[in-house]
Amino acid sequence: MKHKKVRFLTDHQSPYSGNEFYKRGTTATFRDSAADILVDGGHAEYTDKPTTEKRQPKAEPAPMPLTAVSGVGGELAVELNERGILTATDLANATVEALTPISGIGKKRAQNLINAARQSLSTISVVNT
């Protein structure tokens, strides 16, 4: 005859074995069949099961490259990288003043690039939710 150890989830008055009373949180060992009845009835849980499940960490999506933003080609991406703007998120958070020193970028184009990066990121966010 096998036995299983259970932990009580609620206070429980046993209808068997002399009407024993088990307080919530206490553990006791029962025959397999009796333990199964307690667990199936929601009065107890098996103590041999792990108390916490090991969960895999949620994988973070890879950052969106600059070249995925409309209007950013390879050469501009290199220029932006040299200024510390490495991803579309960096570009979306950049200021017009940070982009205008780059050759060929005025205030209007800088704002258009920032807006394009924000639009690209918001499209990805909507798809992932």
N, C-alpha and C. Protein backbone atom coordinates (compact mmCIF):
# COMPACT_ATOMS: atom_id res chain seq x y z
N MET A 1 0.84 -1.17 0.00
CA MET A 1 0.00 0.00 0.00
C MET A 1 0.90 1.25 0.00
N LYS A 2 0.64 2.15 -0.95
CA LYS A 2 1.44 3.37 -1.04
C LYS A 2 0.77 4.50 -0.28
N HIS A 3 1.60 5.45 0.12
CA HIS A 3 1.10 6.60 0.85
C HIS A 3 1.57 7.88 0.17
N LYS A 4 0.78 8.93 0.33
CA LYS A 4 1.12 10.24 -0.23
C LYS A 4 0.98 11.28 0.86
N LYS A 5 1.87 12.27 0.79
CA LYS A 5 1.84 13.35 1.75
C LYS A 5 1.10 14.53 1.11
N VAL A 6 0.17 15.13 1.87
CA VAL A 6 -0.60 16.26 1.37
C VAL A 6 -0.51 17.43 2.34
N ARG A 7 -0.72 18.63 1.81
CA ARG A 7 -0.78 19.85 2.61
C ARG A 7 -2.21 20.37 2.48
N PHE A 8 -2.84 20.67 3.60
CA PHE A 8 -4.23 21.12 3.58
C PHE A 8 -4.33 22.59 3.16
N LEU A 9 -5.24 22.85 2.25
CA LEU A 9 -5.47 24.21 1.76
C LEU A 9 -6.54 24.92 2.57
N THR A 10 -7.35 24.15 3.26
CA THR A 10 -8.41 24.70 4.10
C THR A 10 -8.44 23.89 5.40
N ASP A 11 -9.10 24.44 6.40
CA ASP A 11 -9.37 23.63 7.60
C ASP A 11 -10.29 22.51 7.16
N HIS A 12 -10.03 21.31 7.65
CA HIS A 12 -10.80 20.16 7.16
C HIS A 12 -11.11 19.20 8.31
N GLN A 13 -12.38 18.90 8.43
CA GLN A 13 -12.84 17.90 9.40
C GLN A 13 -12.96 16.58 8.67
N SER A 14 -12.17 15.61 9.04
CA SER A 14 -12.18 14.32 8.36
C SER A 14 -13.39 13.50 8.76
N PRO A 15 -14.11 12.96 7.79
CA PRO A 15 -15.24 12.10 8.14
C PRO A 15 -14.77 10.69 8.53
N TYR A 16 -13.48 10.43 8.40
CA TYR A 16 -12.93 9.10 8.69
C TYR A 16 -12.00 9.18 9.90
N SER A 17 -11.55 8.09 10.32
CA SER A 17 -10.55 7.93 11.37
C SER A 17 -10.78 8.83 12.58
N GLY A 18 -11.93 8.74 13.18
CA GLY A 18 -12.18 9.45 14.42
C GLY A 18 -12.46 10.93 14.26
N ASN A 19 -12.91 11.31 13.07
CA ASN A 19 -13.23 12.71 12.81
C ASN A 19 -12.10 13.66 13.17
N GLU A 20 -10.91 13.37 12.70
CA GLU A 20 -9.76 14.22 12.98
C GLU A 20 -9.92 15.56 12.27
N PHE A 21 -9.36 16.60 12.89
CA PHE A 21 -9.42 17.95 12.34
C PHE A 21 -8.03 18.35 11.87
N TYR A 22 -7.94 18.84 10.64
CA TYR A 22 -6.66 19.27 10.08
C TYR A 22 -6.73 20.76 9.80
N LYS A 23 -5.81 21.51 10.35
CA LYS A 23 -5.78 22.95 10.13
C LYS A 23 -5.13 23.27 8.79
N ARG A 24 -5.55 24.36 8.21
CA ARG A 24 -4.98 24.83 6.95
C ARG A 24 -3.47 24.98 7.09
N GLY A 25 -2.73 24.47 6.09
CA GLY A 25 -1.27 24.57 6.09
C GLY A 25 -0.55 23.39 6.69
N THR A 26 -1.28 22.53 7.42
CA THR A 26 -0.63 21.36 8.01
C THR A 26 -0.48 20.26 6.95
N THR A 27 0.45 19.37 7.21
CA THR A 27 0.67 18.25 6.29
C THR A 27 0.37 16.94 7.01
N ALA A 28 -0.03 15.98 6.21
CA ALA A 28 -0.31 14.65 6.75
C ALA A 28 -0.11 13.63 5.64
N THR A 29 0.10 12.38 6.04
CA THR A 29 0.29 11.29 5.08
C THR A 29 -0.94 10.40 5.08
N PHE A 30 -1.42 10.07 3.88
CA PHE A 30 -2.61 9.24 3.73
C PHE A 30 -2.34 8.15 2.70
N ARG A 31 -3.20 7.13 2.74
CA ARG A 31 -3.17 6.14 1.67
C ARG A 31 -3.44 6.86 0.36
N ASP A 32 -2.97 6.28 -0.74
CA ASP A 32 -3.15 6.90 -2.05
C ASP A 32 -4.59 7.31 -2.31
N SER A 33 -5.51 6.40 -2.06
CA SER A 33 -6.92 6.67 -2.39
C SER A 33 -7.46 7.83 -1.55
N ALA A 34 -7.13 7.87 -0.28
CA ALA A 34 -7.61 8.95 0.58
C ALA A 34 -6.97 10.28 0.19
N ALA A 35 -5.68 10.26 -0.13
CA ALA A 35 -5.00 11.47 -0.56
C ALA A 35 -5.63 12.00 -1.85
N ASP A 36 -5.92 11.09 -2.79
CA ASP A 36 -6.54 11.50 -4.05
C ASP A 36 -7.89 12.16 -3.81
N ILE A 37 -8.68 11.63 -2.89
CA ILE A 37 -9.99 12.21 -2.57
C ILE A 37 -9.83 13.62 -2.01
N LEU A 38 -8.88 13.82 -1.12
CA LEU A 38 -8.64 15.13 -0.53
C LEU A 38 -8.21 16.15 -1.58
N VAL A 39 -7.32 15.72 -2.46
CA VAL A 39 -6.82 16.63 -3.49
C VAL A 39 -7.92 16.92 -4.51
N ASP A 40 -8.63 15.89 -4.97
CA ASP A 40 -9.70 16.09 -5.95
C ASP A 40 -10.82 16.97 -5.39
N GLY A 41 -11.05 16.87 -4.08
CA GLY A 41 -12.09 17.67 -3.44
C GLY A 41 -11.68 19.10 -3.16
N GLY A 42 -10.42 19.44 -3.43
CA GLY A 42 -9.94 20.80 -3.22
C GLY A 42 -9.55 21.11 -1.80
N HIS A 43 -9.48 20.10 -0.95
CA HIS A 43 -9.11 20.34 0.45
C HIS A 43 -7.61 20.38 0.65
N ALA A 44 -6.84 19.72 -0.25
CA ALA A 44 -5.40 19.60 -0.04
C ALA A 44 -4.69 19.56 -1.38
N GLU A 45 -3.35 19.65 -1.30
CA GLU A 45 -2.50 19.51 -2.48
C GLU A 45 -1.36 18.57 -2.12
N TYR A 46 -0.83 17.91 -3.13
CA TYR A 46 0.30 17.01 -2.88
C TYR A 46 1.53 17.84 -2.54
N THR A 47 2.30 17.40 -1.56
CA THR A 47 3.49 18.15 -1.18
C THR A 47 4.70 17.79 -2.03
N ASP A 48 4.61 16.70 -2.78
CA ASP A 48 5.76 16.33 -3.60
C ASP A 48 5.81 17.08 -4.92
N LYS A 49 4.76 17.86 -5.22
CA LYS A 49 4.81 18.65 -6.45
C LYS A 49 5.57 19.94 -6.16
N PRO A 50 6.24 20.49 -7.15
CA PRO A 50 6.99 21.73 -6.91
C PRO A 50 6.03 22.87 -6.55
N THR A 51 6.41 23.67 -5.57
CA THR A 51 5.55 24.75 -5.13
C THR A 51 5.55 25.92 -6.10
N THR A 52 6.65 26.10 -6.81
CA THR A 52 6.69 27.17 -7.81
C THR A 52 7.14 26.57 -9.13
N GLU A 53 6.48 26.98 -10.17
CA GLU A 53 6.85 26.49 -11.49
C GLU A 53 8.00 27.34 -12.02
N LYS A 54 8.94 26.69 -12.66
CA LYS A 54 10.02 27.43 -13.30
C LYS A 54 9.51 27.88 -14.66
N ARG A 55 9.46 29.17 -14.83
CA ARG A 55 8.97 29.71 -16.09
C ARG A 55 10.15 30.20 -16.91
N GLN A 56 10.02 29.98 -18.19
CA GLN A 56 11.04 30.49 -19.10
C GLN A 56 10.89 32.01 -19.18
N PRO A 57 12.00 32.72 -19.14
CA PRO A 57 11.88 34.16 -19.26
C PRO A 57 11.29 34.52 -20.62
N LYS A 58 10.48 35.55 -20.61
CA LYS A 58 9.85 35.98 -21.85
C LYS A 58 10.92 36.55 -22.77
N ALA A 59 10.93 36.03 -23.98
CA ALA A 59 11.93 36.48 -24.94
C ALA A 59 11.61 37.90 -25.39
N GLU A 60 12.59 38.74 -25.31
CA GLU A 60 12.44 40.11 -25.78
C GLU A 60 12.65 40.12 -27.29
N PRO A 61 11.82 40.87 -28.00
CA PRO A 61 12.01 40.94 -29.44
C PRO A 61 13.30 41.68 -29.76
N ALA A 62 13.89 41.32 -30.87
CA ALA A 62 15.11 42.00 -31.30
C ALA A 62 14.78 43.45 -31.63
N PRO A 63 15.68 44.37 -31.33
CA PRO A 63 15.40 45.76 -31.65
C PRO A 63 15.28 45.96 -33.16
N MET A 64 14.40 46.86 -33.54
CA MET A 64 14.19 47.14 -34.96
C MET A 64 15.39 47.91 -35.50
N PRO A 65 15.99 47.43 -36.59
CA PRO A 65 17.14 48.13 -37.16
C PRO A 65 16.71 49.46 -37.78
N LEU A 66 17.66 50.36 -37.87
CA LEU A 66 17.39 51.67 -38.46
C LEU A 66 16.91 51.56 -39.90
N THR A 67 17.47 50.64 -40.64
CA THR A 67 17.13 50.52 -42.06
C THR A 67 15.69 50.05 -42.28
N ALA A 68 15.00 49.61 -41.23
CA ALA A 68 13.59 49.24 -41.35
C ALA A 68 12.68 50.47 -41.34
N VAL A 69 13.25 51.61 -40.99
CA VAL A 69 12.48 52.86 -40.96
C VAL A 69 12.49 53.48 -42.35
N SER A 70 11.32 53.87 -42.81
CA SER A 70 11.20 54.50 -44.12
C SER A 70 12.06 55.77 -44.17
N GLY A 71 12.90 55.85 -45.20
CA GLY A 71 13.76 57.02 -45.38
C GLY A 71 15.17 56.84 -44.85
N VAL A 72 15.45 55.71 -44.21
CA VAL A 72 16.80 55.47 -43.68
C VAL A 72 17.45 54.37 -44.51
N GLY A 73 18.49 54.77 -45.23
CA GLY A 73 19.26 53.82 -46.01
C GLY A 73 20.53 53.43 -45.27
N GLY A 74 21.36 52.66 -45.94
CA GLY A 74 22.59 52.16 -45.32
C GLY A 74 23.55 53.26 -44.90
N GLU A 75 23.75 54.24 -45.77
CA GLU A 75 24.70 55.32 -45.44
C GLU A 75 24.20 56.16 -44.28
N LEU A 76 22.92 56.48 -44.28
CA LEU A 76 22.37 57.27 -43.18
C LEU A 76 22.42 56.47 -41.88
N ALA A 77 22.17 55.17 -41.97
CA ALA A 77 22.24 54.32 -40.78
C ALA A 77 23.64 54.36 -40.17
N VAL A 78 24.66 54.35 -41.02
CA VAL A 78 26.05 54.44 -40.53
C VAL A 78 26.27 55.77 -39.83
N GLU A 79 25.80 56.86 -40.43
CA GLU A 79 25.94 58.20 -39.81
C GLU A 79 25.24 58.25 -38.45
N LEU A 80 24.03 57.68 -38.40
CA LEU A 80 23.28 57.68 -37.14
C LEU A 80 23.98 56.83 -36.09
N ASN A 81 24.52 55.68 -36.50
CA ASN A 81 25.26 54.83 -35.57
C ASN A 81 26.44 55.56 -34.96
N GLU A 82 27.13 56.35 -35.77
CA GLU A 82 28.28 57.11 -35.28
C GLU A 82 27.87 58.14 -34.23
N ARG A 83 26.61 58.53 -34.25
CA ARG A 83 26.10 59.51 -33.29
C ARG A 83 25.36 58.84 -32.13
N GLY A 84 25.46 57.50 -32.04
CA GLY A 84 24.86 56.79 -30.92
C GLY A 84 23.41 56.38 -31.13
N ILE A 85 22.89 56.60 -32.33
CA ILE A 85 21.52 56.19 -32.64
C ILE A 85 21.63 54.86 -33.37
N LEU A 86 21.34 53.77 -32.63
CA LEU A 86 21.61 52.42 -33.14
C LEU A 86 20.37 51.67 -33.61
N THR A 87 19.21 52.03 -33.09
CA THR A 87 17.98 51.30 -33.41
C THR A 87 16.87 52.27 -33.78
N ALA A 88 15.76 51.73 -34.27
CA ALA A 88 14.60 52.57 -34.58
C ALA A 88 14.07 53.24 -33.32
N THR A 89 14.16 52.57 -32.20
CA THR A 89 13.72 53.17 -30.94
C THR A 89 14.57 54.38 -30.60
N ASP A 90 15.88 54.27 -30.80
CA ASP A 90 16.76 55.41 -30.56
C ASP A 90 16.38 56.58 -31.46
N LEU A 91 16.07 56.29 -32.71
CA LEU A 91 15.69 57.34 -33.65
C LEU A 91 14.35 57.97 -33.25
N ALA A 92 13.41 57.16 -32.82
CA ALA A 92 12.11 57.67 -32.40
C ALA A 92 12.24 58.59 -31.18
N ASN A 93 13.23 58.33 -30.34
CA ASN A 93 13.44 59.15 -29.14
C ASN A 93 14.42 60.30 -29.37
N ALA A 94 14.98 60.39 -30.56
CA ALA A 94 15.96 61.45 -30.86
C ALA A 94 15.25 62.80 -30.99
N THR A 95 16.04 63.85 -30.90
CA THR A 95 15.52 65.20 -31.10
C THR A 95 15.94 65.70 -32.47
N VAL A 96 15.20 66.67 -32.96
CA VAL A 96 15.54 67.29 -34.24
C VAL A 96 16.96 67.86 -34.17
N GLU A 97 17.29 68.44 -33.03
CA GLU A 97 18.62 69.06 -32.85
C GLU A 97 19.74 68.02 -32.93
N ALA A 98 19.47 66.79 -32.54
CA ALA A 98 20.49 65.75 -32.60
C ALA A 98 20.72 65.28 -34.03
N LEU A 99 19.73 65.44 -34.90
CA LEU A 99 19.85 64.93 -36.27
C LEU A 99 20.31 65.97 -37.28
N THR A 100 20.04 67.24 -37.02
CA THR A 100 20.36 68.27 -38.02
C THR A 100 21.86 68.46 -38.29
N PRO A 101 22.77 68.12 -37.38
CA PRO A 101 24.19 68.24 -37.75
C PRO A 101 24.64 67.24 -38.83
N ILE A 102 23.84 66.22 -39.10
CA ILE A 102 24.18 65.23 -40.11
C ILE A 102 23.98 65.86 -41.49
N SER A 103 24.95 65.67 -42.34
CA SER A 103 24.91 66.25 -43.68
C SER A 103 23.66 65.79 -44.43
N GLY A 104 22.93 66.75 -44.99
CA GLY A 104 21.75 66.43 -45.79
C GLY A 104 20.47 66.33 -44.97
N ILE A 105 20.55 66.58 -43.67
CA ILE A 105 19.34 66.52 -42.84
C ILE A 105 19.05 67.89 -42.26
N GLY A 106 17.94 68.45 -42.70
CA GLY A 106 17.46 69.71 -42.13
C GLY A 106 16.41 69.40 -41.09
N LYS A 107 15.80 70.48 -40.57
CA LYS A 107 14.81 70.30 -39.50
C LYS A 107 13.60 69.49 -39.99
N LYS A 108 13.14 69.77 -41.20
CA LYS A 108 11.96 69.07 -41.71
C LYS A 108 12.24 67.57 -41.90
N ARG A 109 13.38 67.25 -42.52
CA ARG A 109 13.71 65.83 -42.73
C ARG A 109 13.95 65.12 -41.40
N ALA A 110 14.59 65.82 -40.46
CA ALA A 110 14.83 65.22 -39.14
C ALA A 110 13.50 64.85 -38.49
N GLN A 111 12.53 65.78 -38.53
CA GLN A 111 11.23 65.50 -37.93
C GLN A 111 10.53 64.36 -38.67
N ASN A 112 10.65 64.32 -40.01
CA ASN A 112 10.05 63.23 -40.79
C ASN A 112 10.66 61.87 -40.42
N LEU A 113 11.97 61.83 -40.21
CA LEU A 113 12.63 60.57 -39.82
C LEU A 113 12.17 60.12 -38.43
N ILE A 114 12.07 61.06 -37.51
CA ILE A 114 11.61 60.73 -36.16
C ILE A 114 10.18 60.19 -36.22
N ASN A 115 9.32 60.86 -36.98
CA ASN A 115 7.93 60.42 -37.11
C ASN A 115 7.84 59.05 -37.78
N ALA A 116 8.68 58.81 -38.80
CA ALA A 116 8.67 57.51 -39.48
C ALA A 116 9.10 56.40 -38.52
N ALA A 117 10.08 56.68 -37.68
CA ALA A 117 10.52 55.68 -36.70
C ALA A 117 9.41 55.39 -35.70
N ARG A 118 8.75 56.43 -35.24
CA ARG A 118 7.64 56.25 -34.29
C ARG A 118 6.51 55.45 -34.93
N GLN A 119 6.21 55.77 -36.19
CA GLN A 119 5.16 55.05 -36.90
C GLN A 119 5.53 53.58 -37.07
N SER A 120 6.77 53.29 -37.42
CA SER A 120 7.22 51.91 -37.58
C SER A 120 7.10 51.14 -36.27
N LEU A 121 7.48 51.77 -35.18
CA LEU A 121 7.43 51.11 -33.87
C LEU A 121 5.98 50.91 -33.42
N SER A 122 5.10 51.86 -33.68
CA SER A 122 3.71 51.70 -33.26
C SER A 122 3.03 50.61 -34.07
N THR A 123 3.40 50.45 -35.33
CA THR A 123 2.84 49.38 -36.16
C THR A 123 3.26 48.03 -35.61
N ILE A 124 4.53 47.90 -35.20
CA ILE A 124 5.03 46.65 -34.64
C ILE A 124 4.32 46.36 -33.31
N SER A 125 4.11 47.38 -32.47
CA SER A 125 3.46 47.19 -31.18
C SER A 125 2.04 46.70 -31.35
N VAL A 126 1.32 47.22 -32.31
CA VAL A 126 -0.06 46.80 -32.54
C VAL A 126 -0.09 45.35 -33.00
N VAL A 127 0.85 44.96 -33.85
CA VAL A 127 0.89 43.59 -34.37
C VAL A 127 1.22 42.61 -33.26
N ASN A 128 2.12 42.98 -32.34
CA ASN A 128 2.57 42.07 -31.27
C ASN A 128 1.58 41.93 -30.13
N THR A 129 0.58 42.81 -30.01
CA THR A 129 -0.34 42.71 -28.88
C THR A 129 -1.52 41.86 -29.19
